[in-house]
Protein backbone atom coordinates (compact mmCIF):
# COMPACT_ATOMS: atom_id res chain seq x y z
CA MET A 1 125.36 183.92 166.56
CA VAL A 2 123.76 182.28 162.86
CA THR A 3 125.94 181.34 159.97
CA ALA A 4 124.33 181.17 156.53
CA GLU A 5 124.22 177.42 156.49
CA GLU A 6 122.15 176.81 159.66
CA PRO A 7 119.09 177.35 157.50
CA SER A 8 119.73 174.70 155.18
CA ARG A 9 120.27 172.38 157.48
CA ARG A 10 117.73 173.02 159.78
CA GLY A 11 114.61 172.37 157.04
CA GLY A 12 116.45 172.54 153.75
CA THR A 13 118.22 170.11 151.47
CA PRO A 14 120.83 168.25 153.56
CA PRO A 15 124.19 168.44 152.72
CA GLU A 16 125.95 166.27 150.32
CA VAL A 17 128.05 164.07 153.19
CA ASP A 18 124.53 163.28 154.33
CA ARG A 19 122.79 162.30 151.19
CA ALA A 20 125.96 160.15 150.60
CA ALA A 21 125.48 158.52 153.95
CA ALA A 22 121.58 157.91 153.16
CA SER A 23 122.23 156.46 149.76
CA ARG A 24 124.82 154.05 151.36
CA ARG A 25 122.51 153.16 154.11
CA ALA A 26 119.84 153.11 151.25
CA VAL A 27 121.73 150.26 149.32
CA ALA A 28 123.00 148.58 152.05
CA ALA A 29 119.13 147.93 153.55
CA ARG A 30 118.39 146.34 149.36
CA ARG A 31 121.71 144.29 149.84
CA ALA A 32 120.41 142.59 153.07
CA ARG A 33 117.02 142.28 151.70
CA ALA A 34 117.81 140.71 148.77
CA ALA A 35 120.16 138.36 150.78
CA VAL A 36 117.25 137.12 152.58
CA LYS A 37 115.50 136.81 149.36
CA HIS A 38 118.24 134.37 147.82
CA ASP A 39 118.00 132.58 151.63
CA ILE A 40 114.17 131.66 150.87
CA ALA A 41 114.28 131.05 147.11
CA VAL A 42 117.27 128.22 147.39
CA ARG A 43 115.54 126.98 150.60
CA ALA A 44 118.24 128.33 152.88
CA ARG A 45 115.99 129.72 154.99
CA ARG A 46 111.89 128.55 155.57
CA ALA A 47 109.29 131.76 154.94
CA ILE A 48 108.15 131.16 158.02
CA ASP A 49 111.08 131.43 159.93
CA VAL A 50 111.69 134.95 158.37
CA VAL A 51 108.29 136.59 159.09
CA GLU A 52 108.34 135.15 162.61
CA ALA A 53 112.27 136.92 162.90
CA ALA A 54 110.41 140.09 161.51
CA TRP A 55 107.62 140.13 164.18
CA ASP A 56 110.08 139.42 167.29
CA GLY A 57 113.05 141.38 166.41
CA ASP A 58 113.91 145.08 165.18
CA PRO A 59 111.62 146.52 162.92
CA ALA A 60 114.43 148.12 161.17
CA THR A 61 115.84 144.55 160.20
CA PRO A 62 115.83 143.42 156.70
CA GLU A 63 113.04 140.52 157.21
CA ALA A 64 110.91 143.47 158.99
CA THR A 65 111.61 146.04 155.79
CA MET A 66 110.63 143.66 153.22
CA ARG A 67 107.19 143.74 151.51
CA VAL A 68 105.41 141.19 151.55
CA ARG A 69 104.86 140.57 147.78
CA GLU A 70 108.94 140.26 147.94
CA LEU A 71 108.39 137.51 150.24
CA LEU A 72 105.99 136.16 148.05
CA LEU A 73 107.97 136.30 145.19
CA SER A 74 110.94 134.62 146.48
CA LEU A 75 109.54 131.41 147.07
CA PRO A 76 109.55 128.61 144.74
CA ASN A 77 106.65 128.25 142.18
CA VAL A 78 105.04 131.90 143.13
CA GLY A 79 104.76 134.45 140.18
CA PRO A 80 103.44 137.79 140.45
CA THR A 81 100.04 136.62 139.27
CA LYS A 82 100.01 134.08 141.57
CA ALA A 83 101.47 136.45 144.63
CA ASP A 84 98.59 139.15 143.89
CA ARG A 85 96.44 136.28 144.23
CA ILE A 86 97.74 135.41 147.32
CA MET A 87 97.74 138.77 148.88
CA ALA A 88 94.25 139.85 147.81
CA ASP A 89 93.17 136.60 149.43
CA LEU A 90 95.28 137.32 152.56
CA GLY A 91 93.22 140.85 152.52
CA ILE A 92 97.35 142.42 152.36
CA ALA A 93 97.67 145.59 150.48
CA ALA A 94 100.44 145.58 148.06
CA ALA A 95 102.95 148.35 149.69
CA LYS A 96 102.44 146.31 152.85
CA LYS A 97 106.38 145.47 155.01
CA VAL A 98 106.25 141.79 156.73
CA GLY A 99 107.11 144.14 160.01
CA GLY A 100 104.30 146.62 159.36
CA LEU A 101 100.99 143.84 159.10
CA GLY A 102 98.35 143.85 162.11
CA VAL A 103 97.95 140.97 164.02
CA ARG A 104 95.10 139.47 161.76
CA GLN A 105 97.03 140.11 158.83
CA ARG A 106 100.01 138.53 160.62
CA GLU A 107 98.37 135.37 161.72
CA LYS A 108 96.45 134.83 158.09
CA LEU A 109 100.22 134.84 156.51
CA ARG A 110 101.39 132.75 158.96
CA GLY A 111 98.43 130.43 158.51
CA TRP A 112 99.30 130.47 154.80
CA LEU A 113 102.81 129.91 155.01
CA THR A 114 102.61 126.78 157.39
CA ASP A 115 99.81 125.28 155.07
CA ARG A 116 102.65 125.29 152.38
CA GLU A 117 104.75 123.71 153.72
CA ARG A 118 102.75 120.92 154.84
CA PRO A 119 104.06 117.46 153.08
CA ARG A 120 101.22 116.61 150.38
CA ARG A 121 99.37 113.13 151.22
CA ALA A 122 101.43 110.10 150.99
CA GLY A 123 100.16 108.35 147.48
CA GLY A 124 99.04 111.63 145.42
CA ASN A 125 95.57 112.37 144.15
CA ARG A 126 95.30 113.65 140.20
CA GLU A 127 92.84 116.03 141.75
CA HIS A 128 96.25 117.97 142.74
CA SER A 129 98.10 116.92 139.44
CA ARG A 130 97.71 118.71 135.81
CA LEU A 131 99.64 118.01 132.46
CA VAL A 132 100.74 122.26 131.43
CA VAL A 133 101.71 121.34 127.53
CA LEU A 134 104.08 124.59 126.42
CA ALA A 135 103.90 125.52 123.09
CA GLY A 136 105.25 128.04 120.68
CA PRO A 137 106.40 129.89 117.53
CA THR A 138 110.02 128.88 116.05
CA ALA A 139 112.78 131.23 118.09
CA VAL A 140 110.34 131.58 120.56
CA GLY A 141 112.89 130.12 123.54
CA LYS A 142 110.71 127.13 124.26
CA GLY A 143 113.49 124.87 124.88
CA THR A 144 115.51 127.48 126.75
CA VAL A 145 112.65 127.91 129.18
CA SER A 146 112.63 124.24 129.54
CA GLN A 147 116.10 123.49 130.30
CA PHE A 148 115.93 126.58 132.68
CA ILE A 149 113.32 124.98 135.03
CA ARG A 150 115.09 121.34 134.61
CA ALA A 151 118.36 123.38 136.05
CA HIS A 152 116.30 125.33 138.78
CA TYR A 153 112.88 123.68 139.49
CA PRO A 154 114.40 119.93 140.07
CA GLU A 155 110.98 118.96 141.71
CA VAL A 156 109.11 119.53 138.20
CA LEU A 157 109.02 116.72 136.13
CA LEU A 158 109.51 117.15 132.27
CA SER A 159 108.17 114.69 129.85
CA ILE A 160 110.67 113.06 127.85
CA SER A 161 110.04 112.05 124.17
CA ALA A 162 111.20 108.89 122.17
CA THR A 163 112.79 109.39 118.99
CA THR A 164 114.27 106.79 116.18
CA ARG A 165 117.47 109.20 115.78
CA PRO A 166 120.57 107.93 116.97
CA PRO A 167 121.95 110.36 120.31
CA ARG A 168 124.04 113.33 119.93
CA PRO A 169 126.93 113.39 122.02
CA GLY A 170 126.39 114.15 125.60
CA GLU A 171 122.48 112.57 125.12
CA VAL A 172 121.53 110.07 127.74
CA ASP A 173 118.91 107.66 127.01
CA GLY A 174 116.16 107.87 129.32
CA GLN A 175 117.08 111.38 130.43
CA HIS A 176 117.46 113.77 126.84
CA TYR A 177 115.28 110.79 124.96
CA TYR A 178 113.97 107.74 124.73
CA PHE A 179 116.00 106.71 121.82
CA VAL A 180 114.49 103.53 120.15
CA SER A 181 114.57 101.81 116.91
CA ASP A 182 111.85 102.23 113.75
CA ALA A 183 110.57 98.94 115.38
CA ASP A 184 109.70 99.80 118.32
CA PHE A 185 108.11 103.30 117.33
CA ASP A 186 106.08 101.62 115.02
CA ARG A 187 105.33 98.97 117.74
CA MET A 188 104.51 101.93 120.32
CA ILE A 189 101.76 103.65 117.16
CA ALA A 190 100.48 100.69 117.24
CA ASP A 191 99.94 100.07 120.62
CA HIS A 192 98.58 103.41 121.35
CA GLU A 193 101.40 104.45 123.40
CA PHE A 194 101.52 108.05 122.14
CA LEU A 195 100.02 111.16 122.96
CA GLU A 196 100.99 112.28 119.78
CA TRP A 197 103.79 111.68 117.49
CA ALA A 198 105.21 113.23 113.54
CA THR A 199 107.94 113.22 111.47
CA VAL A 200 110.12 115.99 111.75
CA HIS A 201 112.28 117.28 108.60
CA ASN A 202 111.34 113.90 106.64
CA ALA A 203 113.95 111.60 108.73
CA TYR A 204 113.44 110.93 112.02
CA ARG A 205 110.07 110.25 113.91
CA TYR A 206 109.47 111.75 117.65
CA GLY A 207 106.60 111.17 120.13
CA THR A 208 105.25 111.84 123.66
CA PRO A 209 104.94 108.50 125.08
CA ARG A 210 101.34 108.09 127.26
CA PRO A 211 102.02 105.76 130.07
CA PRO A 212 104.70 107.65 131.98
CA ILE A 213 102.58 110.49 131.96
CA ASP A 214 99.31 108.69 132.55
CA ARG A 215 101.59 107.07 136.00
CA ALA A 216 103.04 110.65 137.30
CA LEU A 217 99.39 112.12 137.03
CA ALA A 218 97.71 109.29 138.87
CA ALA A 219 100.96 109.52 141.49
CA GLY A 220 99.57 113.43 142.34
CA ARG A 221 102.41 114.65 140.13
CA SER A 222 102.38 117.49 137.50
CA VAL A 223 103.91 117.30 134.08
CA LEU A 224 105.87 119.58 131.72
CA LEU A 225 105.36 119.08 128.15
CA GLU A 226 107.43 120.74 125.92
CA ILE A 227 106.36 120.46 122.06
CA ASP A 228 105.14 122.45 118.74
CA LEU A 229 102.17 124.02 117.87
CA GLN A 230 101.01 120.46 116.13
CA GLY A 231 101.84 118.37 118.55
CA ALA A 232 99.61 120.23 121.18
CA ARG A 233 96.72 119.91 119.12
CA SER A 234 97.07 116.17 119.04
CA VAL A 235 97.52 116.45 122.96
CA ARG A 236 94.48 118.70 123.40
CA ALA A 237 92.46 115.82 121.62
CA ALA A 238 94.07 113.13 123.54
CA MET A 239 93.74 114.83 126.95
CA PRO A 240 91.56 117.49 127.17
CA GLU A 241 91.85 118.47 130.46
CA ALA A 242 95.52 119.40 129.57
CA LEU A 243 96.65 123.01 130.37
CA LEU A 244 97.96 124.60 127.15
CA VAL A 245 100.43 127.58 127.34
CA PHE A 246 101.71 129.41 124.46
CA LEU A 247 104.89 131.24 124.70
CA LEU A 248 105.21 134.88 123.32
CA PRO A 249 108.32 136.63 122.38
CA PRO A 250 107.81 140.32 123.45
CA SER A 251 107.60 141.49 119.66
CA TRP A 252 108.09 140.11 116.31
CA ASP A 253 111.43 142.43 116.16
CA GLU A 254 112.64 140.62 118.99
CA LEU A 255 111.37 137.52 117.50
CA VAL A 256 113.54 138.24 114.22
CA ARG A 257 116.96 138.97 116.40
CA ARG A 258 116.71 135.49 118.55
CA LEU A 259 116.53 133.51 115.25
CA VAL A 260 119.20 135.51 113.03
CA GLY A 261 121.37 136.36 116.40
CA ARG A 262 121.41 132.18 117.16
CA GLY A 263 123.43 131.77 114.09
CA THR A 264 122.12 128.35 113.14
CA GLU A 265 120.25 128.56 109.75
CA ASP A 266 121.52 129.82 106.64
CA PRO A 267 119.02 133.24 105.02
CA ALA A 268 116.80 130.86 103.36
CA GLU A 269 116.21 128.77 106.15
CA GLN A 270 115.32 131.90 108.23
CA ALA A 271 112.89 133.34 105.96
CA ARG A 272 111.14 130.33 105.58
CA ARG A 273 111.51 130.19 109.41
CA LEU A 274 109.90 133.64 110.39
CA GLU A 275 107.08 132.60 107.75
CA THR A 276 106.22 129.69 109.73
CA ALA A 277 106.53 131.78 113.04
CA LYS A 278 103.58 134.31 111.54
CA VAL A 279 101.59 131.54 110.62
CA GLU A 280 102.36 129.75 114.55
CA LEU A 281 101.21 133.19 115.65
CA GLN A 282 98.46 133.09 114.90
CA ALA A 283 97.54 130.29 117.19
CA GLN A 284 97.70 132.04 120.08
CA ASP A 285 93.77 132.11 121.13
CA GLU A 286 93.61 128.19 120.67
CA PHE A 287 95.92 128.26 123.80
CA ASP A 288 94.52 128.59 127.65
CA VAL A 289 97.50 130.67 128.73
CA LYS A 290 99.54 133.17 126.75
CA VAL A 291 103.32 133.66 128.76
CA VAL A 292 105.55 136.47 126.95
CA ASN A 293 109.62 135.36 127.18
CA ASN A 294 110.86 138.78 128.06
CA GLU A 295 113.40 137.19 130.53
CA VAL A 296 113.44 133.56 130.86
CA GLY A 297 113.99 133.33 134.44
CA ARG A 298 110.55 135.35 134.99
CA ALA A 299 108.97 133.03 131.30
CA ALA A 300 109.95 130.07 133.52
CA ARG A 301 108.79 130.95 137.32
CA GLU A 302 105.39 131.78 135.33
CA VAL A 303 104.87 128.33 133.53
CA VAL A 304 106.19 126.50 136.72
CA GLU A 305 103.32 128.57 138.89
CA LEU A 306 101.20 127.08 136.43
CA LEU A 307 101.73 123.32 137.29
CA GLU A 308 100.28 123.79 140.61
CA VAL A 309 96.83 122.93 140.68
CA PRO A 310 94.75 126.07 142.93
């Protein structure tokens, strides 16, 4: 005897209990893949070990069902643009899962991951280093992005500025700034030790010492310099090979919201800074690369990616 329920179970909408079970399985699978990606990102697992596990085991494992693009984006210093370029070079489609790769694609991915993990030659090489200058309008979040990079990408070398102002509570000489006297600052100017320098708010002077940057570049290390627009122009004049990155807000309204929301300036100062920001935004085409600060972690990752020399 055929009941009224049987046709729907054969080919129609599955019962509610089945849909709920399928949803729970999907959530569990996403969480398992997220855990694998997290392990790669924090270097608890090597990406090469993850792909080998995907190819040697059950095709339903989180390693095997992860998309190749997800795997690449889990790697430190690989952002969306670089991931897409790598996949194009390897001949792997965007929708491909690690477990679904063919023999030749597996060999290409295995070779790329193996080459990536090889240590750089001892002694360094300036051809493998780069100075990246991060600038942008007021309130766009340059400092926040730099702080995120300092906290999450310890391998990145951030340039340290010299200043004549006294240390604030918690600031450490040589870590946050080089705190120098006016006489020492004058000597550094005379000895051409600055890539750029300026007097800020008609009070203290700030400058970017060049010798530490030159030593790092000569040793094969890339350097990130967070600076204002005028300083970026000075660095371009002194080191034309530097890569200039302009940090953009998602929109003008969002820039206004960030400036007003931080509550560190009175209305008159806010208005002055917003007028300055309008002028600064007009300079974006002077820069080599533009990065939109939609989300701090994503913007930081894109900047870090630019520190790697192709």
